[in-house]
PDB file of N, CA and C in Angstrom:
ATOM      1  N   MET A   1     108.582  95.220   7.320  1.00  0.00           N
ATOM      2  CA  MET A   1     109.688  95.516   8.191  1.00  0.00           C
ATOM      3  C   MET A   1     110.437  94.234   8.510  1.00  0.00           C
ATOM      4  N   LYS A   2     111.729  94.275   8.335  1.00  0.00           N
ATOM      5  CA  LYS A   2     112.548  93.102   8.592  1.00  0.00           C
ATOM      6  C   LYS A   2     113.127  93.180   9.998  1.00  0.00           C
ATOM      7  N   VAL A   3     112.957  92.114  10.761  1.00  0.00           N
ATOM      8  CA  VAL A   3     113.494  92.028  12.116  1.00  0.00           C
ATOM      9  C   VAL A   3     114.916  91.495  12.027  1.00  0.00           C
ATOM     10  N   PRO A   4     115.867  92.196  12.676  1.00  0.00           N
ATOM     11  CA  PRO A   4     117.249  91.711  12.598  1.00  0.00           C
ATOM     12  C   PRO A   4     117.395  90.367  13.298  1.00  0.00           C
ATOM     13  N   GLY A   5     118.182  89.505  12.730  1.00  0.00           N
ATOM     14  CA  GLY A   5     118.417  88.191  13.309  1.00  0.00           C
ATOM     15  C   GLY A   5     119.803  88.106  13.932  1.00  0.00           C
ATOM     16  N   ALA A   6     120.091  86.968  14.478  1.00  0.00           N
ATOM     17  CA  ALA A   6     121.397  86.734  15.091  1.00  0.00           C
ATOM     18  C   ALA A   6     122.456  86.612  14.006  1.00  0.00           C
ATOM     19  N   ALA A   7     123.674  86.963  14.351  1.00  0.00           N
ATOM     20  CA  ALA A   7     124.783  86.837  13.414  1.00  0.00           C
ATOM     21  C   ALA A   7     124.988  85.372  13.067  1.00  0.00           C
ATOM     22  N   ARG A   8     125.403  85.129  11.833  1.00  0.00           N
ATOM     23  CA  ARG A   8     125.613  83.746  11.407  1.00  0.00           C
ATOM     24  C   ARG A   8     126.881  83.156  12.009  1.00  0.00           C
ATOM     25  N   GLN A   9     127.795  84.009  12.397  1.00  0.00           N
ATOM     26  CA  GLN A   9     129.062  83.515  12.934  1.00  0.00           C
ATOM     27  C   GLN A   9     129.292  84.129  14.315  1.00  0.00           C
ATOM     28  N   TYR A  10     129.794  83.322  15.200  1.00  0.00           N
ATOM     29  CA  TYR A  10     130.079  83.757  16.567  1.00  0.00           C
ATOM     30  C   TYR A  10     131.236  84.741  16.574  1.00  0.00           C
ATOM     31  N   ASP A  11     131.055  85.860  17.288  1.00  0.00           N
ATOM     32  CA  ASP A  11     132.120  86.856  17.433  1.00  0.00           C
ATOM     33  C   ASP A  11     132.476  86.930  18.911  1.00  0.00           C
ATOM     34  N   PRO A  12     133.687  86.502  19.319  1.00  0.00           N
ATOM     35  CA  PRO A  12     134.068  86.494  20.735  1.00  0.00           C
ATOM     36  C   PRO A  12     134.008  87.882  21.379  1.00  0.00           C
ATOM     37  N   ARG A  13     134.117  88.953  20.590  1.00  0.00           N
ATOM     38  CA  ARG A  13     134.045  90.299  21.152  1.00  0.00           C
ATOM     39  C   ARG A  13     132.673  90.577  21.759  1.00  0.00           C
ATOM     40  N   ASP A  14     131.622  89.960  21.213  1.00  0.00           N
ATOM     41  CA  ASP A  14     130.291  90.139  21.783  1.00  0.00           C
ATOM     42  C   ASP A  14     130.243  89.609  23.211  1.00  0.00           C
ATOM     43  N   GLN A  15     130.838  88.459  23.438  1.00  0.00           N
ATOM     44  CA  GLN A  15     130.863  87.874  24.767  1.00  0.00           C
ATOM     45  C   GLN A  15     131.690  88.735  25.716  1.00  0.00           C
ATOM     46  N   ASP A  16     132.809  89.258  25.246  1.00  0.00           N
ATOM     47  CA  ASP A  16     133.645  90.121  26.088  1.00  0.00           C
ATOM     48  C   ASP A  16     132.894  91.391  26.489  1.00  0.00           C
ATOM     49  N   THR A  17     132.166  91.975  25.567  1.00  0.00           N
ATOM     50  CA  THR A  17     131.383  93.181  25.852  1.00  0.00           C
ATOM     51  C   THR A  17     130.320  92.877  26.898  1.00  0.00           C
ATOM     52  N   MET A  18     129.630  91.761  26.738  1.00  0.00           N
ATOM     53  CA  MET A  18     128.586  91.375  27.694  1.00  0.00           C
ATOM     54  C   MET A  18     129.198  91.094  29.064  1.00  0.00           C
ATOM     55  N   ARG A  19     130.334  90.413  29.103  1.00  0.00           N
ATOM     56  CA  ARG A  19     130.988  90.096  30.371  1.00  0.00           C
ATOM     57  C   ARG A  19     131.356  91.382  31.113  1.00  0.00           C
ATOM     58  N   ARG A  20     131.922  92.382  30.420  1.00  0.00           N
ATOM     59  CA  ARG A  20     132.279  93.653  31.052  1.00  0.00           C
ATOM     60  C   ARG A  20     131.041  94.368  31.592  1.00  0.00           C
ATOM     61  N   ALA A  21     129.952  94.350  30.839  1.00  0.00           N
ATOM     62  CA  ALA A  21     128.716  95.006  31.289  1.00  0.00           C
ATOM     63  C   ALA A  21     128.174  94.340  32.552  1.00  0.00           C
ATOM     64  N   ILE A  22     128.187  93.018  32.592  1.00  0.00           N
ATOM     65  CA  ILE A  22     127.699  92.291  33.769  1.00  0.00           C
ATOM     66  C   ILE A  22     128.607  92.546  34.965  1.00  0.00           C
ATOM     67  N   GLU A  23     129.911  92.521  34.770  1.00  0.00           N
ATOM     68  CA  GLU A  23     130.852  92.783  35.876  1.00  0.00           C
ATOM     69  C   GLU A  23     130.663  94.187  36.445  1.00  0.00           C
ATOM     70  N   ASN A  24     130.465  95.172  35.580  1.00  0.00           N
ATOM     71  CA  ASN A  24     130.243  96.545  36.051  1.00  0.00           C
ATOM     72  C   ASN A  24     128.945  96.656  36.839  1.00  0.00           C
ATOM     73  N   ALA A  25     127.880  96.019  36.357  1.00  0.00           N
ATOM     74  CA  ALA A  25     126.593  96.089  37.049  1.00  0.00           C
ATOM     75  C   ALA A  25     126.670  95.416  38.416  1.00  0.00           C
ATOM     76  N   VAL A  26     127.291  94.254  38.495  1.00  0.00           N
ATOM     77  CA  VAL A  26     127.406  93.536  39.764  1.00  0.00           C
ATOM     78  C   VAL A  26     128.271  94.322  40.736  1.00  0.00           C
ATOM     79  N   THR A  27     129.370  94.896  40.251  1.00  0.00           N
ATOM     80  CA  THR A  27     130.243  95.691  41.115  1.00  0.00           C
ATOM     81  C   THR A  27     129.484  96.878  41.692  1.00  0.00           C
ATOM     82  N   THR A  28     128.674  97.535  40.883  1.00  0.00           N
ATOM     83  CA  THR A  28     127.881  98.674  41.348  1.00  0.00           C
ATOM     84  C   THR A  28     126.910  98.238  42.442  1.00  0.00           C
ATOM     85  N   LEU A  29     126.233  97.105  42.248  1.00  0.00           N
ATOM     86  CA  LEU A  29     125.292  96.611  43.260  1.00  0.00           C
ATOM     87  C   LEU A  29     126.021  96.219  44.539  1.00  0.00           C
ATOM     88  N   GLU A  30     127.194  95.618  44.421  1.00  0.00           N
ATOM     89  CA  GLU A  30     127.951  95.221  45.606  1.00  0.00           C
ATOM     90  C   GLU A  30     128.423  96.420  46.410  1.00  0.00           C
ATOM     91  N   GLN A  31     128.626  97.552  45.758  1.00  0.00           N
ATOM     92  CA  GLN A  31     129.114  98.735  46.449  1.00  0.00           C
ATOM     93  C   GLN A  31     128.009  99.459  47.207  1.00  0.00           C
ATOM     94  N   ARG A  32     126.739  99.188  46.885  1.00  0.00           N
ATOM     95  CA  ARG A  32     125.646  99.823  47.621  1.00  0.00           C
ATOM     96  C   ARG A  32     125.630  99.280  49.039  1.00  0.00           C
ATOM     97  N   PRO A  33     125.581 100.149  50.020  1.00  0.00           N
ATOM     98  CA  PRO A  33     125.598  99.683  51.408  1.00  0.00           C
ATOM     99  C   PRO A  33     124.309  98.959  51.763  1.00  0.00           C
ATOM    100  N   ASN A  34     124.426  97.981  52.626  1.00  0.00           N
ATOM    101  CA  ASN A  34     123.252  97.278  53.118  1.00  0.00           C
ATOM    102  C   ASN A  34     122.760  97.994  54.366  1.00  0.00           C
ATOM    103  N   THR A  35     121.716  98.785  54.199  1.00  0.00           N
ATOM    104  CA  THR A  35     121.171  99.538  55.325  1.00  0.00           C
ATOM    105  C   THR A  35     119.780  99.032  55.683  1.00  0.00           C
ATOM    106  N   SER A  36     119.442  97.841  55.204  1.00  0.00           N
ATOM    107  CA  SER A  36     118.123  97.282  55.469  1.00  0.00           C
ATOM    108  C   SER A  36     118.095  96.714  56.879  1.00  0.00           C
ATOM    109  N   ALA A  37     117.847  97.589  57.827  1.00  0.00           N
ATOM    110  CA  ALA A  37     117.848  97.191  59.229  1.00  0.00           C
ATOM    111  C   ALA A  37     116.851  98.051  59.986  1.00  0.00           C
ATOM    112  N   LEU A  38     116.483  97.574  61.151  1.00  0.00           N
ATOM    113  CA  LEU A  38     115.570  98.297  62.028  1.00  0.00           C
ATOM    114  C   LEU A  38     116.387  99.248  62.890  1.00  0.00           C
ATOM    115  N   GLY A  39     116.107 100.536  62.757  1.00  0.00           N
ATOM    116  CA  GLY A  39     116.841 101.537  63.515  1.00  0.00           C
ATOM    117  C   GLY A  39     116.330 101.656  64.940  1.00  0.00           C
ATOM    118  N   SER A  40     117.121 102.288  65.765  1.00  0.00           N
ATOM    119  CA  SER A  40     116.702 102.550  67.142  1.00  0.00           C
ATOM    120  C   SER A  40     115.691 103.692  67.155  1.00  0.00           C
ATOM    121  N   ASP A  41     115.066 103.912  68.287  1.00  0.00           N
ATOM    122  CA  ASP A  41     114.070 104.980  68.437  1.00  0.00           C
ATOM    123  C   ASP A  41     114.722 106.330  68.153  1.00  0.00           C
ATOM    124  N   ARG A  42     114.138 107.102  67.238  1.00  0.00           N
ATOM    125  CA  ARG A  42     114.674 108.428  66.910  1.00  0.00           C
ATOM    126  C   ARG A  42     114.276 109.469  67.949  1.00  0.00           C
ATOM    127  N   GLY A  43     113.382 109.109  68.853  1.00  0.00           N
ATOM    128  CA  GLY A  43     113.029 110.006  69.941  1.00  0.00           C
ATOM    129  C   GLY A  43     112.057 111.099  69.528  1.00  0.00           C
ATOM    130  N   ASP A  44     112.068 112.170  70.290  1.00  0.00           N
ATOM    131  CA  ASP A  44     111.165 113.301  70.100  1.00  0.00           C
ATOM    132  C   ASP A  44     111.921 114.418  69.378  1.00  0.00           C
ATOM    133  N   THR A  45     112.408 114.102  68.143  1.00  0.00           N
ATOM    134  CA  THR A  45     113.223 115.051  67.390  1.00  0.00           C
ATOM    135  C   THR A  45     112.867 115.022  65.915  1.00  0.00           C
ATOM    136  N   SER A  46     113.207 116.095  65.219  1.00  0.00           N
ATOM    137  CA  SER A  46     113.170 116.105  63.757  1.00  0.00           C
ATOM    138  C   SER A  46     114.508 115.563  63.270  1.00  0.00           C
ATOM    139  N   VAL A  47     114.495 114.889  62.118  1.00  0.00           N
ATOM    140  CA  VAL A  47     115.725 114.290  61.596  1.00  0.00           C
ATOM    141  C   VAL A  47     115.849 114.533  60.099  1.00  0.00           C
ATOM    142  N   THR A  48     117.067 114.457  59.604  1.00  0.00           N
ATOM    143  CA  THR A  48     117.346 114.441  58.165  1.00  0.00           C
ATOM    144  C   THR A  48     117.951 113.085  57.850  1.00  0.00           C
ATOM    145  N   LEU A  49     117.343 112.370  56.907  1.00  0.00           N
ATOM    146  CA  LEU A  49     117.813 111.035  56.548  1.00  0.00           C
ATOM    147  C   LEU A  49     118.677 111.102  55.294  1.00  0.00           C
ATOM    148  N   VAL A  50     119.748 110.315  55.302  1.00  0.00           N
ATOM    149  CA  VAL A  50     120.666 110.245  54.171  1.00  0.00           C
ATOM    150  C   VAL A  50     120.659 108.816  53.648  1.00  0.00           C
ATOM    151  N   ALA A  51     120.223 108.647  52.406  1.00  0.00           N
ATOM    152  CA  ALA A  51     120.174 107.316  51.796  1.00  0.00           C
ATOM    153  C   ALA A  51     121.578 106.746  51.699  1.00  0.00           C
ATOM    154  N   GLY A  52     121.719 105.475  52.059  1.00  0.00           N
ATOM    155  CA  GLY A  52     123.016 104.821  52.025  1.00  0.00           C
ATOM    156  C   GLY A  52     123.795 104.965  53.320  1.00  0.00           C
ATOM    157  N   THR A  53     123.333 105.846  54.209  1.00  0.00           N
ATOM    158  CA  THR A  53     123.983 106.042  55.505  1.00  0.00           C
ATOM    159  C   THR A  53     123.045 105.633  56.632  1.00  0.00           C
ATOM    160  N   ASP A  54     121.833 106.176  56.625  1.00  0.00           N
ATOM    161  CA  ASP A  54     120.847 105.842  57.654  1.00  0.00           C
ATOM    162  C   ASP A  54     120.160 104.520  57.315  1.00  0.00           C
ATOM    163  N   VAL A  55     119.781 103.771  58.346  1.00  0.00           N
ATOM    164  CA  VAL A  55     119.091 102.499  58.120  1.00  0.00           C
ATOM    165  C   VAL A  55     117.729 102.766  57.493  1.00  0.00           C
ATOM    166  N   GLU A  56     117.217 101.773  56.779  1.00  0.00           N
ATOM    167  CA  GLU A  56     115.982 101.949  56.022  1.00  0.00           C
ATOM    168  C   GLU A  56     114.744 102.068  56.900  1.00  0.00           C
ATOM    169  N   ILE A  57     114.723 101.410  58.049  1.00  0.00           N
ATOM    170  CA  ILE A  57     113.526 101.444  58.895  1.00  0.00           C
ATOM    171  C   ILE A  57     113.780 102.388  60.055  1.00  0.00           C
ATOM    172  N   GLN A  58     113.075 103.509  60.043  1.00  0.00           N
ATOM    173  CA  GLN A  58     113.223 104.563  61.049  1.00  0.00           C
ATOM    174  C   GLN A  58     112.035 104.506  62.005  1.00  0.00           C
ATOM    175  N   ARG A  59     112.320 104.434  63.310  1.00  0.00           N
ATOM    176  CA  ARG A  59     111.264 104.292  64.322  1.00  0.00           C
ATOM    177  C   ARG A  59     111.164 105.541  65.184  1.00  0.00           C
ATOM    178  N   PHE A  60     109.938 105.969  65.396  1.00  0.00           N
ATOM    179  CA  PHE A  60     109.633 107.042  66.341  1.00  0.00           C
ATOM    180  C   PHE A  60     108.711 106.424  67.390  1.00  0.00           C
ATOM    181  N   ALA A  61     109.302 105.965  68.503  1.00  0.00           N
ATOM    182  CA  ALA A  61     108.553 105.246  69.535  1.00  0.00           C
ATOM    183  C   ALA A  61     108.333 106.093  70.779  1.00  0.00           C
ATOM    184  N   THR A  62     108.749 107.340  70.732  1.00  0.00           N
ATOM    185  CA  THR A  62     108.597 108.250  71.861  1.00  0.00           C
ATOM    186  C   THR A  62     107.442 109.200  71.586  1.00  0.00           C
ATOM    187  N   ALA A  63     106.655 109.504  72.607  1.00  0.00           N
ATOM    188  CA  ALA A  63     105.555 110.462  72.438  1.00  0.00           C
ATOM    189  C   ALA A  63     106.126 111.816  72.018  1.00  0.00           C
ATOM    190  N   LEU A  64     105.501 112.437  71.025  1.00  0.00           N
ATOM    191  CA  LEU A  64     105.979 113.720  70.511  1.00  0.00           C
ATOM    192  C   LEU A  64     105.442 114.872  71.336  1.00  0.00           C
ATOM    193  N   THR A  65     106.287 115.870  71.550  1.00  0.00           N
ATOM    194  CA  THR A  65     105.888 117.060  72.306  1.00  0.00           C
ATOM    195  C   THR A  65     105.738 118.280  71.397  1.00  0.00           C
ATOM    196  N   ALA A  66     105.990 118.092  70.092  1.00  0.00           N
ATOM    197  CA  ALA A  66     105.812 119.145  69.086  1.00  0.00           C
ATOM    198  C   ALA A  66     105.730 118.459  67.723  1.00  0.00           C
ATOM    199  N   ASN A  67     105.255 119.162  66.703  1.00  0.00           N
ATOM    200  CA  ASN A  67     105.264 118.605  65.350  1.00  0.00           C
ATOM    201  C   ASN A  67     106.711 118.371  64.936  1.00  0.00           C
ATOM    202  N   ARG A  68     106.960 117.237  64.289  1.00  0.00           N
ATOM    203  CA  ARG A  68     108.321 116.877  63.876  1.00  0.00           C
ATOM    204  C   ARG A  68     108.366 116.675  62.366  1.00  0.00           C
ATOM    205  N   THR A  69     109.572 116.802  61.806  1.00  0.00           N
ATOM    206  CA  THR A  69     109.784 116.647  60.366  1.00  0.00           C
ATOM    207  C   THR A  69     110.869 115.613  60.116  1.00  0.00           C
ATOM    208  N   VAL A  70     110.604 114.724  59.167  1.00  0.00           N
ATOM    209  CA  VAL A  70     111.617 113.803  58.659  1.00  0.00           C
ATOM    210  C   VAL A  70     111.980 114.331  57.278  1.00  0.00           C
ATOM    211  N   THR A  71     113.156 114.955  57.180  1.00  0.00           N
ATOM    212  CA  THR A  71     113.615 115.516  55.909  1.00  0.00           C
ATOM    213  C   THR A  71     114.392 114.447  55.159  1.00  0.00           C
ATOM    214  N   LEU A  72     114.004 114.215  53.911  1.00  0.00           N
ATOM    215  CA  LEU A  72     114.679 113.227  53.079  1.00  0.00           C
ATOM    216  C   LEU A  72     115.770 113.939  52.290  1.00  0.00           C
ATOM    217  N   GLY A  73     117.012 113.627  52.597  1.00  0.00           N
ATOM    218  CA  GLY A  73     118.158 114.261  51.952  1.00  0.00           C
ATOM    219  C   GLY A  73     118.415 113.665  50.581  1.00  0.00           C
ATOM    220  N   GLN A  74     119.659 113.756  50.139  1.00  0.00           N
ATOM    221  CA  GLN A  74     120.051 113.217  48.840  1.00  0.00           C
ATOM    222  C   GLN A  74     119.701 111.743  48.755  1.00  0.00           C
ATOM    223  N   GLY A  75     119.289 111.310  47.581  1.00  0.00           N
ATOM    224  CA  GLY A  75     118.964 109.909  47.380  1.00  0.00           C
ATOM    225  C   GLY A  75     119.529 109.419  46.063  1.00  0.00           C
ATOM    226  N   PHE A  76     119.232 108.185  45.743  1.00  0.00           N
ATOM    227  CA  PHE A  76     119.639 107.580  44.479  1.00  0.00           C
ATOM    228  C   PHE A  76     118.549 106.597  44.087  1.00  0.00           C
ATOM    229  N   ALA A  77     118.512 106.238  42.824  1.00  0.00           N
ATOM    230  CA  ALA A  77     117.488 105.313  42.342  1.00  0.00           C
ATOM    231  C   ALA A  77     117.512 104.032  43.166  1.00  0.00           C
ATOM    232  N   GLY A  78     116.376 103.660  43.699  1.00  0.00           N
ATOM    233  CA  GLY A  78     116.263 102.456  44.508  1.00  0.00           C
ATOM    234  C   GLY A  78     116.366 102.685  45.997  1.00  0.00           C
ATOM    235  N   ALA A  79     116.754 103.888  46.414  1.00  0.00           N
ATOM    236  CA  ALA A  79     116.822 104.178  47.854  1.00  0.00           C
ATOM    237  C   ALA A  79     115.407 104.183  48.422  1.00  0.00           C
ATOM    238  N   ARG A  80     115.281 103.795  49.683  1.00  0.00           N
ATOM    239  CA  ARG A  80     113.949 103.751  50.304  1.00  0.00           C
ATOM    240  C   ARG A  80     114.075 103.864  51.811  1.00  0.00           C
ATOM    241  N   PHE A  81     113.001 104.310  52.417  1.00  0.00           N
ATOM    242  CA  PHE A  81     112.896 104.375  53.865  1.00  0.00           C
ATOM    243  C   PHE A  81     111.485 103.975  54.267  1.00  0.00           C
ATOM    244  N   THR A  82     111.374 103.342  55.432  1.00  0.00           N
ATOM    245  CA  THR A  82     110.099 103.118  56.091  1.00  0.00           C
ATOM    246  C   THR A  82     110.147 103.911  57.383  1.00  0.00           C
ATOM    247  N   ILE A  83     109.164 104.775  57.587  1.00  0.00           N
ATOM    248  CA  ILE A  83     109.088 105.579  58.800  1.00  0.00           C
ATOM    249  C   ILE A  83     107.897 105.071  59.602  1.00  0.00           C
ATOM    250  N   THR A  84     108.145 104.640  60.843  1.00  0.00           N
ATOM    251  CA  THR A  84     107.067 104.144  61.694  1.00  0.00           C
ATOM    252  C   THR A  84     106.913 105.046  62.909  1.00  0.00           C
ATOM    253  N   ARG A  85     105.672 105.205  63.299  1.00  0.00           N
ATOM    254  CA  ARG A  85     105.371 106.003  64.487  1.00  0.00           C
ATOM    255  C   ARG A  85     104.504 105.171  65.418  1.00  0.00           C
ATOM    256  N   SER A  86     105.076 104.778  66.555  1.00  0.00           N
ATOM    257  CA  SER A  86     104.310 104.034  67.556  1.00  0.00           C
ATOM    258  C   SER A  86     104.176 104.840  68.839  1.00  0.00           C
ATOM    259  N   GLY A  87     105.061 105.815  69.017  1.00  0.00           N
ATOM    260  CA  GLY A  87     104.926 106.736  70.145  1.00  0.00           C
ATOM    261  C   GLY A  87     103.859 107.754  69.785  1.00  0.00           C
ATOM    262  N   LEU A  88     102.904 107.952  70.639  1.00  0.00           N
ATOM    263  CA  LEU A  88     101.779 108.812  70.281  1.00  0.00           C
ATOM    264  C   LEU A  88     102.057 110.249  70.692  1.00  0.00           C
ATOM    265  N   GLY A  89     101.067 110.960  71.109  1.00  0.00           N
ATOM    266  CA  GLY A  89     101.201 112.378  71.418  1.00  0.00           C
ATOM    267  C   GLY A  89     100.308 113.172  70.484  1.00  0.00           C
ATOM    268  N   ALA A  90     100.095 114.419  70.830  1.00  0.00           N
ATOM    269  CA  ALA A  90      99.134 115.257  70.103  1.00  0.00           C
ATOM    270  C   ALA A  90      99.774 115.980  68.916  1.00  0.00           C
ATOM    271  N   PHE A  91     100.855 115.424  68.353  1.00  0.00           N
ATOM    272  CA  PHE A  91     101.565 116.117  67.282  1.00  0.00           C
ATOM    273  C   PHE A  91     101.824 115.185  66.104  1.00  0.00           C
ATOM    274  N   THR A  92     102.225 115.742  64.970  1.00  0.00           N
ATOM    275  CA  THR A  92     102.384 114.992  63.725  1.00  0.00           C
ATOM    276  C   THR A  92     103.849 114.826  63.346  1.00  0.00           C
ATOM    277  N   ILE A  93     104.083 113.932  62.392  1.00  0.00           N
ATOM    278  CA  ILE A  93     105.398 113.789  61.758  1.00  0.00           C
ATOM    279  C   ILE A  93     105.191 114.022  60.268  1.00  0.00           C
ATOM    280  N   ASP A  94     105.842 115.051  59.732  1.00  0.00           N
ATOM    281  CA  ASP A  94     105.768 115.387  58.311  1.00  0.00           C
ATOM    282  C   ASP A  94     106.963 114.748  57.610  1.00  0.00           C
ATOM    283  N   VAL A  95     106.695 113.791  56.734  1.00  0.00           N
ATOM    284  CA  VAL A  95     107.751 113.068  56.026  1.00  0.00           C
ATOM    285  C   VAL A  95     107.957 113.721  54.666  1.00  0.00           C
ATOM    286  N   GLY A  96     109.162 114.060  54.353  1.00  0.00           N
ATOM    287  CA  GLY A  96     109.483 114.654  53.054  1.00  0.00           C
ATOM    288  C   GLY A  96     110.391 115.862  53.146  1.00  0.00           C
ATOM    289  N   PRO A  97     109.920 116.976  53.589  1.00  0.00           N
ATOM    290  CA  PRO A  97     108.547 117.282  54.006  1.00  0.00           C
ATOM    291  C   PRO A  97     107.585 117.366  52.824  1.00  0.00           C
ATOM    292  N   GLY A  98     106.323 117.126  53.142  1.00  0.00           N
ATOM    293  CA  GLY A  98     105.263 117.286  52.170  1.00  0.00           C
ATOM    294  C   GLY A  98     104.790 116.030  51.474  1.00  0.00           C
ATOM    295  N   LEU A  99     105.461 114.879  51.680  1.00  0.00           N
ATOM    296  CA  LEU A  99     105.005 113.657  51.026  1.00  0.00           C
ATOM    297  C   LEU A  99     103.861 112.999  51.786  1.00  0.00           C
ATOM    298  N   LYS A 100     103.991 112.933  53.111  1.00  0.00           N
ATOM    299  CA  LYS A 100     102.956 112.315  53.946  1.00  0.00           C
ATOM    300  C   LYS A 100     103.107 112.834  55.359  1.00  0.00           C
ATOM    301  N   THR A 101     101.995 113.172  55.979  1.00  0.00           N
ATOM    302  CA  THR A 101     102.003 113.561  57.386  1.00  0.00           C
ATOM    303  C   THR A 101     101.392 112.427  58.189  1.00  0.00           C
ATOM    304  N   LEU A 102     102.187 111.857  59.100  1.00  0.00           N
ATOM    305  CA  LEU A 102     101.664 110.833  59.999  1.00  0.00           C
ATOM    306  C   LEU A 102     100.871 111.565  61.076  1.00  0.00           C
ATOM    307  N   PRO A 103      99.583 111.250  61.208  1.00  0.00           N
ATOM    308  CA  PRO A 103      98.693 112.062  62.043  1.00  0.00           C
ATOM    309  C   PRO A 103      98.989 111.964  63.539  1.00  0.00           C
ATOM    310  N   SER A 104      98.468 112.956  64.264  1.00  0.00           N
ATOM    311  CA  SER A 104      98.640 112.986  65.722  1.00  0.00           C
ATOM    312  C   SER A 104      97.861 111.857  66.368  1.00  0.00           C
ATOM    313  N   ALA A 105      98.371 111.393  67.509  1.00  0.00           N
ATOM    314  CA  ALA A 105      97.723 110.381  68.337  1.00  0.00           C
ATOM    315  C   ALA A 105      97.359 109.113  67.562  1.00  0.00           C
ATOM    316  N   THR A 106      98.140 108.784  66.525  1.00  0.00           N
ATOM    317  CA  THR A 106      97.865 107.607  65.701  1.00  0.00           C
ATOM    318  C   THR A 106      99.162 106.856  65.435  1.00  0.00           C
ATOM    319  N   ALA A 107      99.165 105.560  65.709  1.00  0.00           N
ATOM    320  CA  ALA A 107     100.303 104.728  65.336  1.00  0.00           C
ATOM    321  C   ALA A 107     100.199 104.475  63.832  1.00  0.00           C
ATOM    322  N   ALA A 108     101.206 104.907  63.067  1.00  0.00           N
ATOM    323  CA  ALA A 108     101.131 104.845  61.607  1.00  0.00           C
ATOM    324  C   ALA A 108     102.519 104.641  61.013  1.00  0.00           C
ATOM    325  N   TRP A 109     102.550 104.408  59.710  1.00  0.00           N
ATOM    326  CA  TRP A 109     103.807 104.198  59.001  1.00  0.00           C
ATOM    327  C   TRP A 109     103.657 104.693  57.568  1.00  0.00           C
ATOM    328  N   CYS A 110     104.792 104.913  56.911  1.00  0.00           N
ATOM    329  CA  CYS A 110     104.782 105.176  55.471  1.00  0.00           C
ATOM    330  C   CYS A 110     106.103 104.705  54.875  1.00  0.00           C
ATOM    331  N   ASP A 111     106.041 104.324  53.605  1.00  0.00           N
ATOM    332  CA  ASP A 111     107.218 103.956  52.831  1.00  0.00           C
ATOM    333  C   ASP A 111     107.449 105.022  51.776  1.00  0.00           C
ATOM    334  N   VAL A 112     108.691 105.442  51.619  1.00  0.00           N
ATOM    335  CA  VAL A 112     109.063 106.375  50.568  1.00  0.00           C
ATOM    336  C   VAL A 112     110.190 105.764  49.753  1.00  0.00           C
ATOM    337  N   GLY A 113     110.248 106.118  48.487  1.00  0.00           N
ATOM    338  CA  GLY A 113     111.290 105.597  47.614  1.00  0.00           C
ATOM    339  C   GLY A 113     111.814 106.676  46.691  1.00  0.00           C
ATOM    340  N   HIS A 114     113.025 106.475  46.211  1.00  0.00           N
ATOM    341  CA  HIS A 114     113.667 107.431  45.304  1.00  0.00           C
ATOM    342  C   HIS A 114     113.753 106.796  43.925  1.00  0.00           C
ATOM    343  N   ASP A 115     113.345 107.541  42.887  1.00  0.00           N
ATOM    344  CA  ASP A 115     113.350 107.009  41.522  1.00  0.00           C
ATOM    345  C   ASP A 115     114.539 107.492  40.693  1.00  0.00           C
ATOM    346  N   GLY A 116     115.503 108.125  41.336  1.00  0.00           N
ATOM    347  CA  GLY A 116     116.653 108.654  40.618  1.00  0.00           C
ATOM    348  C   GLY A 116     116.545 110.150  40.377  1.00  0.00           C
ATOM    349  N   THR A 117     115.313 110.670  40.499  1.00  0.00           N
ATOM    350  CA  THR A 117     115.126 112.119  40.327  1.00  0.00           C
ATOM    351  C   THR A 117     114.557 112.772  41.575  1.00  0.00           C
ATOM    352  N   GLY A 118     113.889 111.992  42.428  1.00  0.00           N
ATOM    353  CA  GLY A 118     113.325 112.555  43.645  1.00  0.00           C
ATOM    354  C   GLY A 118     112.617 111.504  44.477  1.00  0.00           C
ATOM    355  N   TRP A 119     112.200 111.922  45.675  1.00  0.00           N
ATOM    356  CA  TRP A 119     111.503 111.043  46.608  1.00  0.00           C
ATOM    357  C   TRP A 119     110.013 111.029  46.307  1.00  0.00           C
ATOM    358  N   ALA A 120     109.370 109.879  46.538  1.00  0.00           N
ATOM    359  CA  ALA A 120     107.926 109.760  46.335  1.00  0.00           C
ATOM    360  C   ALA A 120     107.346 108.858  47.419  1.00  0.00           C
ATOM    361  N   LEU A 121     106.093 109.120  47.765  1.00  0.00           N
ATOM    362  CA  LEU A 121     105.370 108.254  48.698  1.00  0.00           C
ATOM    363  C   LEU A 121     105.016 106.964  47.971  1.00  0.00           C
ATOM    364  N   VAL A 122     105.334 105.826  48.583  1.00  0.00           N
ATOM    365  CA  VAL A 122     105.054 104.521  47.978  1.00  0.00           C
ATOM    366  C   VAL A 122     103.770 103.941  48.555  1.00  0.00           C
ATOM    367  N   ARG A 123     103.649 103.953  49.882  1.00  0.00           N
ATOM    368  CA  ARG A 123     102.440 103.426  50.539  1.00  0.00           C
ATOM    369  C   ARG A 123     102.441 103.899  51.989  1.00  0.00           C
ATOM    370  N   PHE A 124     101.292 103.769  52.651  1.00  0.00           N
ATOM    371  CA  PHE A 124     101.173 104.172  54.048  1.00  0.00           C
ATOM    372  C   PHE A 124     100.015 103.432  54.688  1.00  0.00           C
ATOM    373  N   GLY A 125      99.963 103.465  56.015  1.00  0.00           N
ATOM    374  CA  GLY A 125      98.868 102.822  56.725  1.00  0.00           C
ATOM    375  C   GLY A 125      98.985 103.046  58.224  1.00  0.00           C
ATOM    376  N   ASN A 126      98.026 102.489  58.942  1.00  0.00           N
ATOM    377  CA  ASN A 126      98.035 102.534  60.411  1.00  0.00           C
ATOM    378  C   ASN A 126      98.611 101.233  60.939  1.00  0.00           C
ATOM    379  N   LEU A 127      99.269 101.336  62.074  1.00  0.00           N
ATOM    380  CA  LEU A 127      99.830 100.133  62.714  1.00  0.00           C
ATOM    381  C   LEU A 127      98.750  99.417  63.493  1.00  0.00           C
TER     382      LEU A 127
END
């Protein structure tokens, strides 16, 4: 099997093609909103998160009075959220729903990410 080698002569069109590809990729990255911030307390409520609109770090610092759900809305490849629970109470937070349930009376967190086709649990733990 013969491995293709580099062209013997420089073709300026190759550089132009590469330059356009790099400019398009950088422009796409620049257009993604910077939502990497610590959000305020979401309180004792269920929420729906929207990637690119809601901040990445979602805090539940209020004691829960019922089971709550964090619904993950539309996403895109590379979108992510960290959900933290420091407010206790005898109820749970279901992230996804169905990806991870943060248990009752436990300070806990989980990270979720979007791979371009759907949301997945990345990691979790106790605070």
